[in-house]
Amino acid sequence: MMSRFSLLAGSLLSLTAQRQAQNGSYIQYSTVTGYFLQDEPSTNATTFDYTSTNFGLINRTYPSDPCGYGSTNLTQWQRFARQVYTLNLESPANIDYKVLFMGRHGEGYHNAAQTFYGTPAWNCYWAEVDGNGTAIWADAHLDPAGIAQAETANAFWAHELAVQRIPAPQTYYTSPLYRCLQTANITFSGLDLPASQPFLPLIKHGLREGISIHTCDRRSNRSVIHAAVPSWPFEPGFPEYDQLWNGVTAETSSAQAVRSKKVLDDIFGADPSTWISITSHSGEIGSILSVLGHQPFSLNTGAVIPVLVRAETVKAQPSPTTSSQPWTGRLT
């Protein structure tokens, strides 16, 4: 019998699809390739370093490049921003282009513990307890290596803003798990950002990691999160307690894909921004990439992947298979 947690997850994940069905429309996503090295099948995700490759932006010309001298005075990012602007300008009202900067959190104590104990022992025992008496990894915090990775991201963003004139994110979103709160805060605090685009991330429940029986996937109470980042807003309806993690059932990949589609629909449906930052997790970013039609690209801890997304609002009924998916039990 499906647990009440599975039923709750299914009902939450189906809300957007139900709204879209009532409106007779849904959003269809695709990745616009040819702009970033991470789009290329030949790029090795394991060894890829976003800080040595200008975030992976390919050095190329664009149809929107100005002719003559004016083009040579612009950086690659300025010319890419012009190209994205042109794509939106020339597109019909039902098509929108956005650039998502998706950053994985820095190394957490749970990552270090898995490395220390090995994956078999981690999955069979250690991941299901809160810690080992020395470190706590329930809703894991960043370890010193993870803090350093976030500081690297901060320094790189500072360089890109000052030298490459990269467009600063216009809006910011983050997972509610503590390691992402820390990563986002370290990455974007202290940067020379436009006054009209301050770093004030919205905490979105749907950006959390895939929900397993591991305690690192259990989020802290809303009041604890608020105490840590009191100025950051929560999305409407964010509950005090984690209503999804129970230590018994786990989210399937298909259920996570539905959740990822929903969170993208929430963002694209309500946020007019073109340049968006998302701080999340390896599993959730991988799920979002799948929904976007992007090739699989596993991020190392602390890494960032930009994606140019084409979103088309289609006046038709969505497939009923996207409304909800059951979760599965996990043996311990």
Protein backbone atom coordinates (compact mmCIF):
# COMPACT_ATOMS: atom_id res chain seq x y z
CA MET A 1 0.00 0.00 0.00
CA MET A 2 1.30 3.46 -0.88
CA SER A 3 2.31 5.38 2.26
CA ARG A 4 0.74 8.69 3.25
CA PHE A 5 4.10 10.29 2.42
CA SER A 6 3.85 8.98 -1.13
CA LEU A 7 0.32 10.31 -1.44
CA LEU A 8 1.37 13.68 -0.04
CA ALA A 9 4.32 13.90 -2.43
CA GLY A 10 2.16 12.96 -5.38
CA SER A 11 -0.47 15.57 -4.54
CA LEU A 12 2.11 18.30 -4.06
CA LEU A 13 3.91 17.45 -7.27
CA SER A 14 0.72 17.42 -9.35
CA LEU A 15 -0.48 20.93 -8.49
CA THR A 16 1.29 22.69 -11.35
CA ALA A 17 0.20 20.10 -13.91
CA GLN A 18 -3.40 20.48 -12.70
CA ARG A 19 -3.25 24.27 -13.01
CA GLN A 20 -1.76 24.01 -16.48
CA ALA A 21 -4.37 21.47 -17.56
CA GLN A 22 -7.11 23.84 -16.40
CA ASN A 23 -5.51 26.62 -18.42
CA GLY A 24 -5.09 24.36 -21.43
CA SER A 25 -1.34 24.93 -21.62
CA TYR A 26 1.98 23.64 -20.38
CA ILE A 27 5.63 24.64 -20.67
CA GLN A 28 7.94 22.60 -22.89
CA TYR A 29 11.65 22.96 -22.13
CA SER A 30 14.73 22.40 -24.26
CA THR A 31 18.43 23.18 -23.96
CA VAL A 32 19.87 25.43 -26.64
CA THR A 33 23.20 23.79 -27.40
CA GLY A 34 26.31 25.19 -29.03
CA TYR A 35 27.01 27.88 -26.45
CA PHE A 36 28.66 26.03 -23.55
CA LEU A 37 31.29 23.30 -23.39
CA GLN A 38 29.04 21.42 -20.98
CA ASP A 39 26.62 20.95 -23.90
CA GLU A 40 29.24 19.03 -25.88
CA PRO A 41 29.41 15.21 -25.69
CA SER A 42 33.21 15.42 -25.89
CA THR A 43 33.50 17.36 -22.61
CA ASN A 44 34.63 15.24 -19.65
CA ALA A 45 32.42 16.17 -16.70
CA THR A 46 34.75 14.53 -14.18
CA THR A 47 37.75 16.71 -15.01
CA PHE A 48 35.93 19.84 -16.17
CA ASP A 49 36.88 23.06 -14.33
CA TYR A 50 34.41 25.89 -14.77
CA THR A 51 36.88 28.43 -13.34
CA SER A 52 39.46 27.83 -16.07
CA THR A 53 36.99 27.90 -18.97
CA ASN A 54 34.99 31.12 -18.45
CA PHE A 55 32.09 29.07 -17.02
CA GLY A 56 32.36 26.90 -20.14
CA LEU A 57 31.24 29.66 -22.51
CA ILE A 58 32.46 28.74 -26.00
CA ASN A 59 34.55 31.36 -27.81
CA ARG A 60 32.48 31.89 -30.96
CA THR A 61 30.62 34.44 -33.02
CA TYR A 62 26.87 35.05 -32.80
CA PRO A 63 24.29 36.21 -35.35
CA SER A 64 23.65 39.21 -33.07
CA ASP A 65 27.29 40.39 -33.06
CA PRO A 66 27.60 44.03 -34.14
CA CYS A 67 29.63 44.60 -37.27
CA GLY A 68 33.06 46.16 -37.22
CA TYR A 69 34.92 47.74 -34.34
CA GLY A 70 32.11 47.66 -31.81
CA SER A 71 32.23 43.88 -31.56
CA THR A 72 35.92 43.77 -30.63
CA ASN A 73 35.33 45.93 -27.56
CA LEU A 74 32.86 43.48 -26.07
CA THR A 75 33.76 40.44 -23.99
CA GLN A 76 32.47 36.99 -24.87
CA TRP A 77 29.89 37.25 -22.10
CA GLN A 78 28.72 40.67 -23.26
CA ARG A 79 28.24 39.34 -26.78
CA PHE A 80 26.46 36.25 -25.45
CA ALA A 81 24.15 38.49 -23.39
CA ARG A 82 23.37 40.41 -26.58
CA GLN A 83 22.59 37.12 -28.33
CA VAL A 84 20.20 36.02 -25.56
CA TYR A 85 18.52 39.43 -25.64
CA THR A 86 18.09 39.13 -29.40
CA LEU A 87 16.65 35.62 -29.10
CA ASN A 88 13.99 36.92 -26.71
CA LEU A 89 13.36 40.03 -28.78
CA GLU A 90 12.76 38.06 -31.95
CA SER A 91 10.71 35.26 -30.37
CA PRO A 92 6.90 35.08 -30.18
CA ALA A 93 5.24 35.77 -26.85
CA ASN A 94 4.94 32.09 -25.95
CA ILE A 95 8.70 31.44 -26.16
CA ASP A 96 11.13 32.60 -23.48
CA TYR A 97 14.90 32.19 -23.19
CA LYS A 98 16.60 32.15 -19.80
CA VAL A 99 20.14 31.42 -18.64
CA LEU A 100 20.28 29.26 -15.52
CA PHE A 101 23.47 29.22 -13.44
CA MET A 102 23.05 26.02 -11.44
CA GLY A 103 25.59 25.59 -8.66
CA ARG A 104 26.11 22.45 -6.63
CA HIS A 105 26.79 22.97 -2.93
CA GLY A 106 30.35 22.64 -1.69
CA GLU A 107 31.55 19.48 0.00
CA GLY A 108 29.51 18.64 3.09
CA TYR A 109 30.26 16.39 6.03
CA HIS A 110 28.07 13.72 4.43
CA ASN A 111 30.25 13.76 1.30
CA ALA A 112 33.39 13.42 3.40
CA ALA A 113 31.83 10.60 5.43
CA GLN A 114 30.90 8.65 2.31
CA THR A 115 34.47 8.97 1.07
CA PHE A 116 35.85 7.92 4.46
CA TYR A 117 33.62 4.88 5.00
CA GLY A 118 33.20 3.87 1.35
CA THR A 119 29.92 3.79 -0.54
CA PRO A 120 28.78 0.27 0.52
CA ALA A 121 29.17 0.97 4.25
CA TRP A 122 27.74 4.45 3.80
CA ASN A 123 24.59 3.22 2.08
CA CYS A 124 24.10 0.22 4.37
CA TYR A 125 24.53 1.96 7.71
CA TRP A 126 26.20 5.33 8.15
CA ALA A 127 23.93 7.33 5.86
CA GLU A 128 20.92 6.35 7.99
CA VAL A 129 22.28 7.78 11.24
CA ASP A 130 22.78 11.43 12.15
CA GLY A 131 26.55 11.26 12.58
CA ASN A 132 29.45 9.34 14.09
CA GLY A 133 30.10 11.21 17.32
CA THR A 134 32.69 13.43 15.64
CA ALA A 135 30.72 14.88 12.75
CA ILE A 136 26.99 15.38 12.16
CA TRP A 137 25.66 14.95 8.64
CA ALA A 138 21.91 15.10 9.18
CA ASP A 139 21.01 18.11 6.99
CA ALA A 140 24.77 18.32 6.52
CA HIS A 141 26.76 21.52 6.83
CA LEU A 142 29.77 22.36 4.69
CA ASP A 143 33.10 21.01 5.85
CA PRO A 144 36.27 23.16 5.50
CA ALA A 145 36.85 21.88 1.96
CA GLY A 146 33.29 22.82 1.01
CA ILE A 147 33.69 26.30 2.46
CA ALA A 148 36.86 26.71 0.38
CA GLN A 149 34.99 25.61 -2.75
CA ALA A 150 32.30 28.22 -2.15
CA GLU A 151 34.99 30.85 -1.59
CA THR A 152 36.51 29.84 -4.93
CA ALA A 153 33.13 30.38 -6.57
CA ASN A 154 32.87 33.80 -4.92
CA ALA A 155 36.30 34.85 -6.19
CA PHE A 156 35.49 33.59 -9.68
CA TRP A 157 32.18 35.44 -9.82
CA ALA A 158 33.99 38.60 -8.69
CA HIS A 159 36.49 38.16 -11.54
CA GLU A 160 33.82 37.45 -14.13
CA LEU A 161 31.74 40.46 -13.10
CA ALA A 162 34.71 42.83 -13.17
CA VAL A 163 36.69 41.49 -16.14
CA GLN A 164 34.29 39.54 -18.36
CA ARG A 165 31.31 41.77 -17.61
CA ILE A 166 29.15 38.71 -17.12
CA PRO A 167 25.51 39.59 -16.42
CA ALA A 168 24.83 39.26 -12.72
CA PRO A 169 21.92 37.01 -11.78
CA GLN A 170 18.71 38.99 -11.59
CA THR A 171 17.11 36.56 -9.16
CA TYR A 172 18.40 33.82 -6.88
CA TYR A 173 16.90 30.54 -5.67
CA THR A 174 18.22 27.95 -3.26
CA SER A 175 17.43 24.56 -1.80
CA PRO A 176 16.38 24.70 1.85
CA LEU A 177 19.08 22.23 2.91
CA TYR A 178 21.75 23.82 5.05
CA ARG A 179 24.73 23.09 2.81
CA CYS A 180 23.05 25.02 -0.01
CA LEU A 181 22.20 27.96 2.24
CA GLN A 182 25.87 28.16 3.21
CA THR A 183 27.11 27.75 -0.36
CA ALA A 184 24.83 30.42 -1.78
CA ASN A 185 25.67 32.84 1.03
CA ILE A 186 29.44 32.44 0.65
CA THR A 187 29.31 32.46 -3.15
CA PHE A 188 27.35 35.68 -3.63
CA SER A 189 27.97 37.77 -0.51
CA GLY A 190 30.20 40.79 -0.96
CA LEU A 191 30.05 40.88 -4.76
CA ASP A 192 29.67 44.11 -6.71
CA LEU A 193 26.08 43.48 -7.75
CA PRO A 194 23.64 45.98 -9.27
CA ALA A 195 21.60 47.76 -6.61
CA SER A 196 18.42 46.70 -8.41
CA GLN A 197 19.47 43.03 -8.32
CA PRO A 198 20.54 42.31 -4.73
CA PHE A 199 21.48 38.87 -3.51
CA LEU A 200 18.29 37.84 -1.73
CA PRO A 201 17.54 34.22 -2.62
CA LEU A 202 14.11 32.67 -2.45
CA ILE A 203 14.14 29.37 -0.55
CA LYS A 204 12.26 26.81 -2.63
CA HIS A 205 11.29 23.41 -1.30
CA GLY A 206 11.39 21.80 -4.74
CA LEU A 207 15.12 22.46 -5.16
CA ARG A 208 16.08 20.05 -2.37
CA GLU A 209 18.07 16.91 -3.07
CA GLY A 210 16.37 13.70 -4.16
CA ILE A 211 14.65 12.42 -1.03
CA SER A 212 16.11 9.15 0.21
CA ILE A 213 16.31 7.45 3.58
CA HIS A 214 19.66 9.18 4.19
CA THR A 215 19.58 11.69 7.01
CA CYS A 216 21.54 14.22 4.94
CA ASP A 217 18.38 14.60 2.84
CA ARG A 218 16.21 15.50 5.85
CA ARG A 219 15.81 19.26 6.06
CA SER A 220 15.79 21.33 9.21
CA ASN A 221 12.64 23.01 10.48
CA ARG A 222 11.65 26.28 8.86
CA SER A 223 12.34 28.16 12.11
CA VAL A 224 15.91 26.81 12.16
CA ILE A 225 16.46 27.89 8.55
CA HIS A 226 15.00 31.33 9.29
CA ALA A 227 17.33 31.75 12.25
CA ALA A 228 20.32 31.00 10.01
CA VAL A 229 19.29 33.36 7.17
CA PRO A 230 16.64 35.66 8.66
CA SER A 231 16.43 38.04 5.68
CA TRP A 232 15.88 35.36 3.05
CA PRO A 233 12.26 34.80 1.99
CA PHE A 234 10.53 31.43 1.77
CA GLU A 235 8.26 30.53 -1.08
CA PRO A 236 4.55 30.69 -0.12
CA GLY A 237 3.30 27.68 1.80
CA PHE A 238 6.73 26.53 2.99
CA PRO A 239 5.93 24.26 5.97
CA GLU A 240 7.61 24.35 9.37
CA TYR A 241 8.38 20.62 9.37
CA ASP A 242 9.75 18.37 6.66
CA GLN A 243 6.63 16.57 5.47
CA LEU A 244 8.37 14.42 2.85
CA TRP A 245 11.38 12.78 4.51
CA ASN A 246 10.46 9.82 6.71
CA GLY A 247 13.49 7.51 6.65
CA VAL A 248 11.43 4.67 5.15
CA THR A 249 10.28 5.59 1.64
CA ALA A 250 12.38 7.19 -1.08
CA GLU A 251 11.63 9.38 -4.05
CA THR A 252 12.01 7.59 -7.37
CA SER A 253 13.81 9.23 -10.28
CA SER A 254 10.49 9.63 -12.09
CA ALA A 255 8.91 11.31 -9.06
CA GLN A 256 11.92 13.62 -8.79
CA ALA A 257 11.59 14.51 -12.47
CA VAL A 258 7.98 15.55 -11.85
CA ARG A 259 9.15 17.68 -8.92
CA SER A 260 11.90 19.23 -11.06
CA LYS A 261 9.39 20.06 -13.79
CA LYS A 262 7.14 21.68 -11.21
CA VAL A 263 9.89 23.87 -9.75
CA LEU A 264 10.93 24.95 -13.24
CA ASP A 265 7.31 25.77 -14.05
CA ASP A 266 7.08 27.82 -10.86
CA ILE A 267 10.20 29.80 -11.78
CA PHE A 268 9.51 30.27 -15.49
CA GLY A 269 5.84 30.98 -14.89
CA ALA A 270 6.36 33.72 -12.31
CA ASP A 271 9.87 35.15 -12.81
CA PRO A 272 10.44 37.52 -15.76
CA SER A 273 14.21 37.49 -15.19
CA THR A 274 16.51 36.21 -17.91
CA TRP A 275 19.58 35.52 -15.72
CA ILE A 276 18.85 33.21 -12.81
CA SER A 277 20.98 31.55 -10.13
CA ILE A 278 19.99 28.22 -8.57
CA THR A 279 21.94 26.62 -5.71
CA SER A 280 21.06 22.96 -5.33
CA HIS A 281 22.44 19.42 -5.32
CA SER A 282 24.03 16.94 -7.69
CA GLY A 283 20.93 14.75 -7.91
CA GLU A 284 18.46 17.60 -8.25
CA ILE A 285 20.55 19.49 -10.79
CA GLY A 286 20.90 16.24 -12.74
CA SER A 287 17.12 15.85 -12.65
CA ILE A 288 16.61 19.43 -13.85
CA LEU A 289 19.10 18.86 -16.67
CA SER A 290 17.11 15.82 -17.73
CA VAL A 291 13.85 17.81 -17.79
CA LEU A 292 15.62 20.47 -19.87
CA GLY A 293 16.78 17.88 -22.41
CA HIS A 294 20.42 18.53 -21.53
CA GLN A 295 22.95 15.75 -21.78
CA PRO A 296 23.90 14.17 -18.43
CA PHE A 297 26.62 16.25 -16.79
CA SER A 298 27.59 15.33 -13.23
CA LEU A 299 28.85 18.26 -11.17
CA ASN A 300 31.69 18.00 -8.68
CA THR A 301 31.02 19.59 -5.29
CA GLY A 302 31.12 23.37 -5.57
CA ALA A 303 30.88 23.37 -9.38
CA VAL A 304 28.55 25.49 -11.53
CA ILE A 305 26.88 24.77 -14.87
CA PRO A 306 25.20 27.45 -17.01
CA VAL A 307 22.43 26.39 -19.38
CA LEU A 308 20.62 28.40 -22.04
CA VAL A 309 17.00 27.26 -21.81
CA ARG A 310 14.22 27.66 -24.34
CA ALA A 311 10.78 27.50 -22.75
CA GLU A 312 7.74 27.28 -25.00
CA THR A 313 4.23 27.58 -23.60
CA VAL A 314 2.15 25.11 -25.58
CA LYS A 315 -1.62 25.43 -25.81
CA ALA A 316 -2.41 21.78 -25.31
CA GLN A 317 -3.05 19.29 -22.55
CA PRO A 318 0.07 17.88 -20.85
CA SER A 319 0.61 14.16 -20.76
CA PRO A 320 -1.19 12.62 -17.77
CA THR A 321 1.99 10.69 -16.92
CA THR A 322 3.57 13.92 -15.64
CA SER A 323 1.00 14.52 -12.91
CA SER A 324 2.51 12.37 -10.12
CA GLN A 325 4.68 9.35 -9.48
CA PRO A 326 4.73 6.97 -6.49
CA TRP A 327 7.66 6.60 -4.16
CA THR A 328 9.29 3.33 -3.20
CA GLY A 329 10.20 1.63 0.04
CA ARG A 330 13.86 1.08 0.88
CA LEU A 331 15.31 -1.88 2.75
CA THR A 332 17.70 -0.98 5.58
